[in-house]
Amino acid sequence: MARKTMMKKTISTIITLMILGIAGILGTNQDIMQTISGGIEQENKSNEQTTEFVAQDDLLVDFIDVGQADSILIRNQDKVMLIDAGTNEAGEIVVQYLKKLGITKINYLIGTHPHEDHIGGLDDVIYEFEIEKIYMPKIETTTKTFEDVLDAIESKNLTVTAPSKNDEIELGQAVGTFMTDSILDKDNLNLSSLVMRIEFGNTSFLFMGDAEEKNEESIIWPKTDVLKVGHHGSNTSTSREFLEQVSPEYAVIMVGKDNTYHLPKQDIIHNLEAIGSEIFRTDENGTIRFISDGSELRIDKSKEMNSIRTSIK
């Protein structure tokens, strides 16, 4: 498991204690105190990151804030994977987000299952970018959203691949694995969700789509550092048995603010807290970016990242 790198620095605290000690020795000479405190203020300003350093070979995983929906961007070296593209309304947000990052080609586009909050924006993405390969489960619906995606695919003369359990994808130096076979049930499309696990060095990510407990029970799960919580934190997913196997250090819940489904459910939050997972939510944190160097994980909190979030709203 990756070591946590989120602990706050204590440099300012140590320097403050030193000031108090100096003040005790020298008295409250105003000039001296102003000089010292001015130096600390300058140091604190210099520690405010404008951009987060990213090495060329780092893996970047962006959980894009698309409201009550999913869209996840994964990049390593010059390879790009996009898992879902939000709702019909969020499609343009996803497109603009990718364009601001300079992306022109998507090597792997994954539509986890044919619900509007996952594939609604796929047609926008397909029209706007060069697509190398598309993965979707082998299940169809008659919704306009699904038909729009098929029309976009046809317009680009693309074909859809329905992956099988243990099929692998190479994404730069990262390796992605489809973890389960889709359960094809037209009465419950969530069960058809494609589940992707990414390994990069000693770090790992698990993207559950809207997979439910029936999917979770189908295999034994490897321990994973970052879990994209299934079905937006609904009680249909993320069982205690599943969490005990995955034991994620971090959990990301993709959910809309004040959503009518009242997600995430408190039971899911409690279960995640019980195993010690640090929880991030798009309704509270906005777009969330993890950066991995293959050994450690960190979260991008830079001003540049915040500017990307706000400029596409």
C-alpha atoms as a PDB file:
ATOM      1  CA  MET A   1       0.000   0.000   0.000  1.00  0.00           C
ATOM      2  CA  ALA A   2       1.230   3.489  -0.747  1.00  0.00           C
ATOM      3  CA  ARG A   3       2.433   5.501   2.237  1.00  0.00           C
ATOM      4  CA  LYS A   4       0.337   8.513   3.141  1.00  0.00           C
ATOM      5  CA  THR A   5       1.915  11.780   2.075  1.00  0.00           C
ATOM      6  CA  MET A   6      -0.856  14.081   3.236  1.00  0.00           C
ATOM      7  CA  MET A   7       0.523  15.000   6.714  1.00  0.00           C
ATOM      8  CA  LYS A   8       0.731  18.737   7.288  1.00  0.00           C
ATOM      9  CA  LYS A   9       4.146  20.323   7.592  1.00  0.00           C
ATOM     10  CA  THR A  10       5.142  21.590  11.028  1.00  0.00           C
ATOM     11  CA  ILE A  11       7.853  24.024   9.945  1.00  0.00           C
ATOM     12  CA  SER A  12       5.793  27.134  10.766  1.00  0.00           C
ATOM     13  CA  THR A  13       5.008  25.790  14.234  1.00  0.00           C
ATOM     14  CA  ILE A  14       8.661  25.092  14.982  1.00  0.00           C
ATOM     15  CA  ILE A  15       9.709  28.569  13.814  1.00  0.00           C
ATOM     16  CA  THR A  16       6.968  30.150  15.924  1.00  0.00           C
ATOM     17  CA  LEU A  17       8.320  28.390  19.021  1.00  0.00           C
ATOM     18  CA  MET A  18      11.791  29.646  18.158  1.00  0.00           C
ATOM     19  CA  ILE A  19      10.448  33.202  17.985  1.00  0.00           C
ATOM     20  CA  LEU A  20       8.928  32.876  21.421  1.00  0.00           C
ATOM     21  CA  GLY A  21      12.244  31.637  22.731  1.00  0.00           C
ATOM     22  CA  ILE A  22      14.129  34.550  21.156  1.00  0.00           C
ATOM     23  CA  ALA A  23      11.571  36.974  22.513  1.00  0.00           C
ATOM     24  CA  GLY A  24      12.112  35.596  25.990  1.00  0.00           C
ATOM     25  CA  ILE A  25      15.864  36.168  25.730  1.00  0.00           C
ATOM     26  CA  LEU A  26      15.924  39.519  23.945  1.00  0.00           C
ATOM     27  CA  GLY A  27      12.730  40.999  25.273  1.00  0.00           C
ATOM     28  CA  THR A  28      10.101  42.474  22.987  1.00  0.00           C
ATOM     29  CA  ASN A  29      12.384  44.557  20.796  1.00  0.00           C
ATOM     30  CA  GLN A  30       9.932  45.572  18.078  1.00  0.00           C
ATOM     31  CA  ASP A  31      12.465  45.800  15.245  1.00  0.00           C
ATOM     32  CA  ILE A  32      13.794  42.328  15.924  1.00  0.00           C
ATOM     33  CA  MET A  33      10.312  40.811  16.112  1.00  0.00           C
ATOM     34  CA  GLN A  34       9.202  42.507  12.889  1.00  0.00           C
ATOM     35  CA  THR A  35      12.273  41.235  11.051  1.00  0.00           C
ATOM     36  CA  ILE A  36      11.732  37.651  12.185  1.00  0.00           C
ATOM     37  CA  SER A  37       7.967  37.614  11.576  1.00  0.00           C
ATOM     38  CA  GLY A  38       8.467  39.196   8.171  1.00  0.00           C
ATOM     39  CA  GLY A  39      10.788  36.371   7.225  1.00  0.00           C
ATOM     40  CA  ILE A  40       8.210  33.798   8.289  1.00  0.00           C
ATOM     41  CA  GLU A  41       5.478  35.509   6.277  1.00  0.00           C
ATOM     42  CA  GLN A  42       7.693  35.414   3.206  1.00  0.00           C
ATOM     43  CA  GLU A  43       8.474  31.740   3.802  1.00  0.00           C
ATOM     44  CA  ASN A  44       4.782  30.877   4.139  1.00  0.00           C
ATOM     45  CA  LYS A  45       3.981  32.700   0.891  1.00  0.00           C
ATOM     46  CA  SER A  46       6.711  30.792  -0.912  1.00  0.00           C
ATOM     47  CA  ASN A  47       5.201  27.520   0.310  1.00  0.00           C
ATOM     48  CA  GLU A  48       1.864  28.286  -1.391  1.00  0.00           C
ATOM     49  CA  GLN A  49       2.025  26.122  -4.500  1.00  0.00           C
ATOM     50  CA  THR A  50       1.030  27.659  -7.785  1.00  0.00           C
ATOM     51  CA  THR A  51       1.520  24.372  -9.626  1.00  0.00           C
ATOM     52  CA  GLU A  52       2.034  20.810  -8.474  1.00  0.00           C
ATOM     53  CA  PHE A  53       5.250  19.225  -9.723  1.00  0.00           C
ATOM     54  CA  VAL A  54       4.483  16.252 -11.954  1.00  0.00           C
ATOM     55  CA  ALA A  55       7.274  14.079 -13.328  1.00  0.00           C
ATOM     56  CA  GLN A  56       7.017  12.900 -16.920  1.00  0.00           C
ATOM     57  CA  ASP A  57       6.429   9.286 -15.898  1.00  0.00           C
ATOM     58  CA  ASP A  58       3.922   9.968 -13.098  1.00  0.00           C
ATOM     59  CA  LEU A  59       0.415   8.509 -13.263  1.00  0.00           C
ATOM     60  CA  LEU A  60      -2.375  11.090 -12.989  1.00  0.00           C
ATOM     61  CA  VAL A  61      -5.938  10.165 -12.076  1.00  0.00           C
ATOM     62  CA  ASP A  62      -8.572  12.925 -12.186  1.00  0.00           C
ATOM     63  CA  PHE A  63     -12.005  12.334 -10.673  1.00  0.00           C
ATOM     64  CA  ILE A  64     -13.815  15.066 -12.605  1.00  0.00           C
ATOM     65  CA  ASP A  65     -16.620  16.870 -10.800  1.00  0.00           C
ATOM     66  CA  VAL A  66     -19.620  16.272 -13.062  1.00  0.00           C
ATOM     67  CA  GLY A  67     -22.285  16.402 -10.368  1.00  0.00           C
ATOM     68  CA  GLN A  68     -24.380  13.286  -9.768  1.00  0.00           C
ATOM     69  CA  ALA A  69     -22.401  11.275 -12.325  1.00  0.00           C
ATOM     70  CA  ASP A  70     -19.014   9.720 -13.112  1.00  0.00           C
ATOM     71  CA  SER A  71     -16.105  10.767 -15.299  1.00  0.00           C
ATOM     72  CA  ILE A  72     -12.525   9.739 -14.577  1.00  0.00           C
ATOM     73  CA  LEU A  73      -9.428  10.688 -16.562  1.00  0.00           C
ATOM     74  CA  ILE A  74      -6.308   8.524 -16.282  1.00  0.00           C
ATOM     75  CA  ARG A  75      -2.980   9.461 -17.888  1.00  0.00           C
ATOM     76  CA  ASN A  76       0.518   8.062 -17.996  1.00  0.00           C
ATOM     77  CA  GLN A  77       3.245   9.241 -20.316  1.00  0.00           C
ATOM     78  CA  ASP A  78       1.419  10.026 -23.577  1.00  0.00           C
ATOM     79  CA  LYS A  79      -1.458   7.568 -23.053  1.00  0.00           C
ATOM     80  CA  VAL A  80      -4.987   8.584 -22.043  1.00  0.00           C
ATOM     81  CA  MET A  81      -7.947   6.640 -20.672  1.00  0.00           C
ATOM     82  CA  LEU A  82     -11.374   8.102 -19.927  1.00  0.00           C
ATOM     83  CA  ILE A  83     -13.858   6.131 -17.851  1.00  0.00           C
ATOM     84  CA  ASP A  84     -17.389   7.503 -18.406  1.00  0.00           C
ATOM     85  CA  ALA A  85     -18.276  11.079 -19.354  1.00  0.00           C
ATOM     86  CA  GLY A  86     -21.060  12.204 -17.042  1.00  0.00           C
ATOM     87  CA  THR A  87     -24.602  13.125 -17.996  1.00  0.00           C
ATOM     88  CA  ASN A  88     -25.837  14.636 -21.262  1.00  0.00           C
ATOM     89  CA  GLU A  89     -25.518  18.083 -19.686  1.00  0.00           C
ATOM     90  CA  ALA A  90     -22.005  17.353 -18.353  1.00  0.00           C
ATOM     91  CA  GLY A  91     -20.610  16.225 -21.699  1.00  0.00           C
ATOM     92  CA  GLU A  92     -19.389  19.723 -22.576  1.00  0.00           C
ATOM     93  CA  ILE A  93     -17.736  20.070 -19.140  1.00  0.00           C
ATOM     94  CA  VAL A  94     -15.757  16.883 -19.770  1.00  0.00           C
ATOM     95  CA  VAL A  95     -14.798  18.029 -23.275  1.00  0.00           C
ATOM     96  CA  GLN A  96     -13.573  21.406 -22.048  1.00  0.00           C
ATOM     97  CA  TYR A  97     -11.701  19.840 -19.150  1.00  0.00           C
ATOM     98  CA  LEU A  98      -9.761  17.565 -21.511  1.00  0.00           C
ATOM     99  CA  LYS A  99      -9.076  20.373 -23.963  1.00  0.00           C
ATOM    100  CA  LYS A 100      -7.670  22.600 -21.216  1.00  0.00           C
ATOM    101  CA  LEU A 101      -5.190  19.811 -20.495  1.00  0.00           C
ATOM    102  CA  GLY A 102      -4.155  19.738 -24.127  1.00  0.00           C
ATOM    103  CA  ILE A 103      -5.639  16.325 -24.826  1.00  0.00           C
ATOM    104  CA  THR A 104      -6.445  15.559 -28.459  1.00  0.00           C
ATOM    105  CA  LYS A 105      -6.533  11.755 -28.435  1.00  0.00           C
ATOM    106  CA  ILE A 106      -8.089   9.203 -26.086  1.00  0.00           C
ATOM    107  CA  ASN A 107      -6.492   5.785 -26.345  1.00  0.00           C
ATOM    108  CA  TYR A 108      -9.117   3.977 -24.284  1.00  0.00           C
ATOM    109  CA  LEU A 109     -12.684   5.205 -23.812  1.00  0.00           C
ATOM    110  CA  ILE A 110     -14.741   3.148 -21.370  1.00  0.00           C
ATOM    111  CA  GLY A 111     -18.498   3.417 -20.946  1.00  0.00           C
ATOM    112  CA  THR A 112     -19.030   1.351 -17.815  1.00  0.00           C
ATOM    113  CA  HIS A 113     -22.742   0.721 -18.403  1.00  0.00           C
ATOM    114  CA  PRO A 114     -25.588   2.341 -20.362  1.00  0.00           C
ATOM    115  CA  HIS A 115     -27.000   4.697 -17.738  1.00  0.00           C
ATOM    116  CA  GLU A 116     -27.261   8.382 -18.635  1.00  0.00           C
ATOM    117  CA  ASP A 117     -25.153   9.550 -15.684  1.00  0.00           C
ATOM    118  CA  HIS A 118     -22.220   7.537 -17.046  1.00  0.00           C
ATOM    119  CA  ILE A 119     -22.510   7.588 -20.842  1.00  0.00           C
ATOM    120  CA  GLY A 120     -24.540  10.775 -21.344  1.00  0.00           C
ATOM    121  CA  GLY A 121     -21.475  12.757 -22.399  1.00  0.00           C
ATOM    122  CA  LEU A 122     -19.747   9.996 -24.368  1.00  0.00           C
ATOM    123  CA  ASP A 123     -21.118  11.197 -27.698  1.00  0.00           C
ATOM    124  CA  ASP A 124     -19.683  14.686 -27.098  1.00  0.00           C
ATOM    125  CA  VAL A 125     -16.295  13.147 -26.322  1.00  0.00           C
ATOM    126  CA  ILE A 126     -16.367  10.870 -29.375  1.00  0.00           C
ATOM    127  CA  TYR A 127     -17.201  13.751 -31.715  1.00  0.00           C
ATOM    128  CA  GLU A 128     -14.502  16.041 -30.272  1.00  0.00           C
ATOM    129  CA  PHE A 129     -11.495  13.732 -29.878  1.00  0.00           C
ATOM    130  CA  GLU A 130      -9.595  11.075 -31.769  1.00  0.00           C
ATOM    131  CA  ILE A 131     -10.613   7.750 -30.200  1.00  0.00           C
ATOM    132  CA  GLU A 132      -8.411   4.671 -30.474  1.00  0.00           C
ATOM    133  CA  LYS A 133     -10.575   2.060 -28.758  1.00  0.00           C
ATOM    134  CA  ILE A 134     -13.968   1.932 -27.035  1.00  0.00           C
ATOM    135  CA  TYR A 135     -15.025  -0.547 -24.346  1.00  0.00           C
ATOM    136  CA  MET A 136     -18.633  -1.071 -23.288  1.00  0.00           C
ATOM    137  CA  PRO A 137     -20.547  -4.034 -21.849  1.00  0.00           C
ATOM    138  CA  LYS A 138     -22.471  -6.264 -24.241  1.00  0.00           C
ATOM    139  CA  ILE A 139     -25.882  -4.943 -23.289  1.00  0.00           C
ATOM    140  CA  GLU A 140     -28.196  -2.492 -25.037  1.00  0.00           C
ATOM    141  CA  THR A 141     -31.057  -0.176 -24.160  1.00  0.00           C
ATOM    142  CA  THR A 142     -33.515   1.814 -26.260  1.00  0.00           C
ATOM    143  CA  THR A 143     -32.883   5.175 -24.592  1.00  0.00           C
ATOM    144  CA  LYS A 144     -32.053   8.229 -26.676  1.00  0.00           C
ATOM    145  CA  THR A 145     -28.840   8.640 -24.693  1.00  0.00           C
ATOM    146  CA  PHE A 146     -27.664   5.175 -25.716  1.00  0.00           C
ATOM    147  CA  GLU A 147     -28.721   5.748 -29.327  1.00  0.00           C
ATOM    148  CA  ASP A 148     -26.807   9.041 -29.401  1.00  0.00           C
ATOM    149  CA  VAL A 149     -23.648   7.229 -28.315  1.00  0.00           C
ATOM    150  CA  LEU A 150     -24.117   4.574 -31.012  1.00  0.00           C
ATOM    151  CA  ASP A 151     -24.645   7.291 -33.632  1.00  0.00           C
ATOM    152  CA  ALA A 152     -21.406   9.000 -32.578  1.00  0.00           C
ATOM    153  CA  ILE A 153     -19.530   5.697 -32.745  1.00  0.00           C
ATOM    154  CA  GLU A 154     -20.899   4.983 -36.207  1.00  0.00           C
ATOM    155  CA  SER A 155     -20.057   8.481 -37.450  1.00  0.00           C
ATOM    156  CA  LYS A 156     -16.388   7.849 -36.645  1.00  0.00           C
ATOM    157  CA  ASN A 157     -16.412   4.297 -38.076  1.00  0.00           C
ATOM    158  CA  LEU A 158     -15.446   2.943 -34.680  1.00  0.00           C
ATOM    159  CA  THR A 159     -16.241  -0.451 -33.190  1.00  0.00           C
ATOM    160  CA  VAL A 160     -17.057  -1.380 -29.602  1.00  0.00           C
ATOM    161  CA  THR A 161     -15.192  -4.058 -27.665  1.00  0.00           C
ATOM    162  CA  ALA A 162     -16.979  -5.924 -24.872  1.00  0.00           C
ATOM    163  CA  PRO A 163     -14.159  -7.009 -22.550  1.00  0.00           C
ATOM    164  CA  SER A 164     -13.968 -10.207 -20.536  1.00  0.00           C
ATOM    165  CA  LYS A 165     -12.690 -10.787 -17.026  1.00  0.00           C
ATOM    166  CA  ASN A 166      -8.886 -10.435 -16.756  1.00  0.00           C
ATOM    167  CA  ASP A 167      -8.502  -8.648 -20.109  1.00  0.00           C
ATOM    168  CA  GLU A 168      -5.607  -6.204 -19.779  1.00  0.00           C
ATOM    169  CA  ILE A 169      -4.792  -2.761 -21.158  1.00  0.00           C
ATOM    170  CA  GLU A 170      -1.368  -1.139 -21.207  1.00  0.00           C
ATOM    171  CA  LEU A 171      -1.525   2.566 -20.405  1.00  0.00           C
ATOM    172  CA  GLY A 172       2.050   3.776 -20.630  1.00  0.00           C
ATOM    173  CA  GLN A 173       3.777   2.068 -17.726  1.00  0.00           C
ATOM    174  CA  ALA A 174       0.473   1.349 -15.992  1.00  0.00           C
ATOM    175  CA  VAL A 175      -1.534  -1.828 -16.471  1.00  0.00           C
ATOM    176  CA  GLY A 176      -5.331  -1.904 -16.403  1.00  0.00           C
ATOM    177  CA  THR A 177      -7.336  -5.068 -15.804  1.00  0.00           C
ATOM    178  CA  PHE A 178     -11.053  -5.675 -16.256  1.00  0.00           C
ATOM    179  CA  MET A 179     -11.822  -7.397 -12.982  1.00  0.00           C
ATOM    180  CA  THR A 180     -15.179  -9.071 -13.587  1.00  0.00           C
ATOM    181  CA  ASP A 181     -17.459 -10.298 -16.332  1.00  0.00           C
ATOM    182  CA  SER A 182     -20.537  -8.135 -16.811  1.00  0.00           C
ATOM    183  CA  ILE A 183     -23.744  -9.570 -15.390  1.00  0.00           C
ATOM    184  CA  LEU A 184     -26.193  -8.984 -18.241  1.00  0.00           C
ATOM    185  CA  ASP A 185     -29.536  -8.150 -16.689  1.00  0.00           C
ATOM    186  CA  LYS A 186     -31.705  -5.647 -18.565  1.00  0.00           C
ATOM    187  CA  ASP A 187     -33.743  -5.078 -15.414  1.00  0.00           C
ATOM    188  CA  ASN A 188     -30.638  -3.888 -13.561  1.00  0.00           C
ATOM    189  CA  LEU A 189     -28.056  -2.284 -15.838  1.00  0.00           C
ATOM    190  CA  ASN A 190     -25.786  -1.524 -12.880  1.00  0.00           C
ATOM    191  CA  LEU A 191     -24.821  -5.206 -12.815  1.00  0.00           C
ATOM    192  CA  SER A 192     -23.307  -4.870 -16.300  1.00  0.00           C
ATOM    193  CA  SER A 193     -20.770  -2.316 -15.033  1.00  0.00           C
ATOM    194  CA  LEU A 194     -17.228  -2.717 -16.319  1.00  0.00           C
ATOM    195  CA  VAL A 195     -14.848  -2.697 -13.351  1.00  0.00           C
ATOM    196  CA  MET A 196     -11.309  -1.517 -14.042  1.00  0.00           C
ATOM    197  CA  ARG A 197      -8.257  -1.851 -11.773  1.00  0.00           C
ATOM    198  CA  ILE A 198      -5.090   0.091 -12.557  1.00  0.00           C
ATOM    199  CA  GLU A 199      -1.684  -0.918 -11.212  1.00  0.00           C
ATOM    200  CA  PHE A 200       1.229   1.472 -11.409  1.00  0.00           C
ATOM    201  CA  GLY A 201       4.361   0.363  -9.625  1.00  0.00           C
ATOM    202  CA  ASN A 202       3.353  -0.321  -6.040  1.00  0.00           C
ATOM    203  CA  THR A 203       0.208   1.822  -6.251  1.00  0.00           C
ATOM    204  CA  SER A 204      -3.258   0.820  -7.417  1.00  0.00           C
ATOM    205  CA  PHE A 205      -6.727   2.176  -8.211  1.00  0.00           C
ATOM    206  CA  LEU A 206     -10.079   0.379  -8.449  1.00  0.00           C
ATOM    207  CA  PHE A 207     -12.948   1.928 -10.432  1.00  0.00           C
ATOM    208  CA  MET A 208     -16.250   0.220  -9.633  1.00  0.00           C
ATOM    209  CA  GLY A 209     -18.696   2.053 -11.905  1.00  0.00           C
ATOM    210  CA  ASP A 210     -22.149   1.276 -10.481  1.00  0.00           C
ATOM    211  CA  ALA A 211     -21.283  -2.354  -9.689  1.00  0.00           C
ATOM    212  CA  GLU A 212     -23.373  -3.799  -6.876  1.00  0.00           C
ATOM    213  CA  GLU A 213     -22.901  -6.429  -4.179  1.00  0.00           C
ATOM    214  CA  LYS A 214     -23.656  -9.230  -6.649  1.00  0.00           C
ATOM    215  CA  ASN A 215     -20.645  -8.091  -8.674  1.00  0.00           C
ATOM    216  CA  GLU A 216     -18.553  -7.697  -5.549  1.00  0.00           C
ATOM    217  CA  GLU A 217     -19.300 -11.272  -4.507  1.00  0.00           C
ATOM    218  CA  SER A 218     -18.120 -12.702  -7.836  1.00  0.00           C
ATOM    219  CA  ILE A 219     -14.374 -12.625  -7.090  1.00  0.00           C
ATOM    220  CA  ILE A 220     -11.776 -12.250  -4.337  1.00  0.00           C
ATOM    221  CA  TRP A 221     -10.510  -8.674  -4.504  1.00  0.00           C
ATOM    222  CA  PRO A 222      -6.880  -7.601  -4.140  1.00  0.00           C
ATOM    223  CA  LYS A 223      -5.947  -4.845  -1.717  1.00  0.00           C
ATOM    224  CA  THR A 224      -6.042  -1.493  -3.487  1.00  0.00           C
ATOM    225  CA  ASP A 225      -4.854   1.983  -2.523  1.00  0.00           C
ATOM    226  CA  VAL A 226      -7.641   4.101  -4.044  1.00  0.00           C
ATOM    227  CA  LEU A 227     -11.250   2.965  -4.420  1.00  0.00           C
ATOM    228  CA  LYS A 228     -13.795   4.752  -6.596  1.00  0.00           C
ATOM    229  CA  VAL A 229     -16.809   3.815  -4.505  1.00  0.00           C
ATOM    230  CA  GLY A 230     -19.483   1.945  -6.447  1.00  0.00           C
ATOM    231  CA  HIS A 231     -22.865   3.466  -7.341  1.00  0.00           C
ATOM    232  CA  HIS A 232     -22.141   6.895  -5.828  1.00  0.00           C
ATOM    233  CA  GLY A 233     -22.172   5.589  -2.264  1.00  0.00           C
ATOM    234  CA  SER A 234     -25.481   3.754  -2.506  1.00  0.00           C
ATOM    235  CA  ASN A 235     -26.387   0.901  -0.150  1.00  0.00           C
ATOM    236  CA  THR A 236     -26.534  -1.451  -3.149  1.00  0.00           C
ATOM    237  CA  SER A 237     -22.718  -1.508  -3.218  1.00  0.00           C
ATOM    238  CA  THR A 238     -19.576  -1.414  -1.075  1.00  0.00           C
ATOM    239  CA  SER A 239     -20.374  -4.222   1.335  1.00  0.00           C
ATOM    240  CA  ARG A 240     -18.290  -4.720   4.467  1.00  0.00           C
ATOM    241  CA  GLU A 241     -16.921  -7.990   3.099  1.00  0.00           C
ATOM    242  CA  PHE A 242     -15.817  -6.223  -0.081  1.00  0.00           C
ATOM    243  CA  LEU A 243     -14.168  -3.401   1.859  1.00  0.00           C
ATOM    244  CA  GLU A 244     -12.329  -5.826   4.112  1.00  0.00           C
ATOM    245  CA  GLN A 245     -10.760  -7.383   1.017  1.00  0.00           C
ATOM    246  CA  VAL A 246      -9.932  -4.157  -0.842  1.00  0.00           C
ATOM    247  CA  SER A 247      -8.948  -2.223   2.302  1.00  0.00           C
ATOM    248  CA  PRO A 248      -8.493   1.097   0.462  1.00  0.00           C
ATOM    249  CA  GLU A 249      -6.314   3.800   1.934  1.00  0.00           C
ATOM    250  CA  TYR A 250      -8.359   6.400   0.070  1.00  0.00           C
ATOM    251  CA  ALA A 251     -11.991   6.302  -1.092  1.00  0.00           C
ATOM    252  CA  VAL A 252     -13.513   8.647  -3.665  1.00  0.00           C
ATOM    253  CA  ILE A 253     -17.275   9.131  -3.869  1.00  0.00           C
ATOM    254  CA  MET A 254     -18.540  10.805  -7.041  1.00  0.00           C
ATOM    255  CA  VAL A 255     -21.791  12.472  -6.097  1.00  0.00           C
ATOM    256  CA  GLY A 256     -23.761  15.653  -6.723  1.00  0.00           C
ATOM    257  CA  LYS A 257     -24.299  18.277  -4.055  1.00  0.00           C
ATOM    258  CA  ASP A 258     -27.727  18.041  -2.389  1.00  0.00           C
ATOM    259  CA  ASN A 259     -28.727  15.235  -4.752  1.00  0.00           C
ATOM    260  CA  THR A 260     -32.277  13.896  -4.574  1.00  0.00           C
ATOM    261  CA  TYR A 261     -31.024  10.354  -3.859  1.00  0.00           C
ATOM    262  CA  HIS A 262     -29.492  11.514  -0.561  1.00  0.00           C
ATOM    263  CA  LEU A 263     -26.175   9.915  -1.501  1.00  0.00           C
ATOM    264  CA  PRO A 264     -23.780   8.865  -0.182  1.00  0.00           C
ATOM    265  CA  LYS A 265     -25.591   6.798   2.404  1.00  0.00           C
ATOM    266  CA  GLN A 266     -24.359   7.139   5.966  1.00  0.00           C
ATOM    267  CA  ASP A 267     -23.865   3.371   6.268  1.00  0.00           C
ATOM    268  CA  ILE A 268     -21.317   3.497   3.458  1.00  0.00           C
ATOM    269  CA  ILE A 269     -19.480   6.423   5.060  1.00  0.00           C
ATOM    270  CA  HIS A 270     -19.418   4.538   8.349  1.00  0.00           C
ATOM    271  CA  ASN A 271     -18.064   1.368   6.712  1.00  0.00           C
ATOM    272  CA  LEU A 272     -15.287   3.318   4.999  1.00  0.00           C
ATOM    273  CA  GLU A 273     -14.368   5.123   8.192  1.00  0.00           C
ATOM    274  CA  ALA A 274     -14.362   1.826  10.093  1.00  0.00           C
ATOM    275  CA  ILE A 275     -11.554   0.444   7.915  1.00  0.00           C
ATOM    276  CA  GLY A 276      -9.573   3.692   8.127  1.00  0.00           C
ATOM    277  CA  SER A 277     -10.139   5.006   4.595  1.00  0.00           C
ATOM    278  CA  GLU A 278      -9.636   8.702   3.971  1.00  0.00           C
ATOM    279  CA  ILE A 279     -12.749   9.845   2.122  1.00  0.00           C
ATOM    280  CA  PHE A 280     -12.948  12.379  -0.694  1.00  0.00           C
ATOM    281  CA  ARG A 281     -16.204  13.517  -2.293  1.00  0.00           C
ATOM    282  CA  THR A 282     -16.727  15.494  -5.475  1.00  0.00           C
ATOM    283  CA  ASP A 283     -19.689  17.332  -3.915  1.00  0.00           C
ATOM    284  CA  GLU A 284     -17.368  18.630  -1.192  1.00  0.00           C
ATOM    285  CA  ASN A 285     -13.900  18.607  -2.787  1.00  0.00           C
ATOM    286  CA  GLY A 286     -14.730  19.255  -6.441  1.00  0.00           C
ATOM    287  CA  THR A 287     -12.456  17.604  -8.993  1.00  0.00           C
ATOM    288  CA  ILE A 288      -9.882  15.413  -7.260  1.00  0.00           C
ATOM    289  CA  ARG A 289      -6.495  14.544  -8.767  1.00  0.00           C
ATOM    290  CA  PHE A 290      -4.250  11.777  -7.492  1.00  0.00           C
ATOM    291  CA  ILE A 291      -0.619  11.675  -8.588  1.00  0.00           C
ATOM    292  CA  SER A 292       1.452   8.502  -8.288  1.00  0.00           C
ATOM    293  CA  ASP A 293       5.186   8.071  -8.856  1.00  0.00           C
ATOM    294  CA  GLY A 294       4.778   4.307  -8.519  1.00  0.00           C
ATOM    295  CA  SER A 295       5.724   4.313  -4.852  1.00  0.00           C
ATOM    296  CA  GLU A 296       3.715   7.073  -3.207  1.00  0.00           C
ATOM    297  CA  LEU A 297       0.423   8.840  -3.785  1.00  0.00           C
ATOM    298  CA  ARG A 298      -0.313  12.510  -3.327  1.00  0.00           C
ATOM    299  CA  ILE A 299      -3.272  14.757  -4.072  1.00  0.00           C
ATOM    300  CA  ASP A 300      -2.913  17.872  -6.212  1.00  0.00           C
ATOM    301  CA  LYS A 301      -4.100  20.887  -4.218  1.00  0.00           C
ATOM    302  CA  SER A 302      -2.314  23.477  -6.346  1.00  0.00           C
ATOM    303  CA  LYS A 303      -3.780  26.775  -7.496  1.00  0.00           C
ATOM    304  CA  GLU A 304      -3.487  25.552 -11.082  1.00  0.00           C
ATOM    305  CA  MET A 305      -5.714  22.574 -10.323  1.00  0.00           C
ATOM    306  CA  ASN A 306      -8.281  24.823  -8.641  1.00  0.00           C
ATOM    307  CA  SER A 307      -8.293  27.145 -11.656  1.00  0.00           C
ATOM    308  CA  ILE A 308      -9.076  24.226 -13.972  1.00  0.00           C
ATOM    309  CA  ARG A 309     -11.983  23.228 -11.745  1.00  0.00           C
ATOM    310  CA  THR A 310     -13.588  26.626 -11.655  1.00  0.00           C
ATOM    311  CA  SER A 311     -12.987  27.751 -15.233  1.00  0.00           C
ATOM    312  CA  ILE A 312     -15.170  25.021 -16.769  1.00  0.00           C
ATOM    313  CA  LYS A 313     -18.195  25.567 -14.553  1.00  0.00           C
END
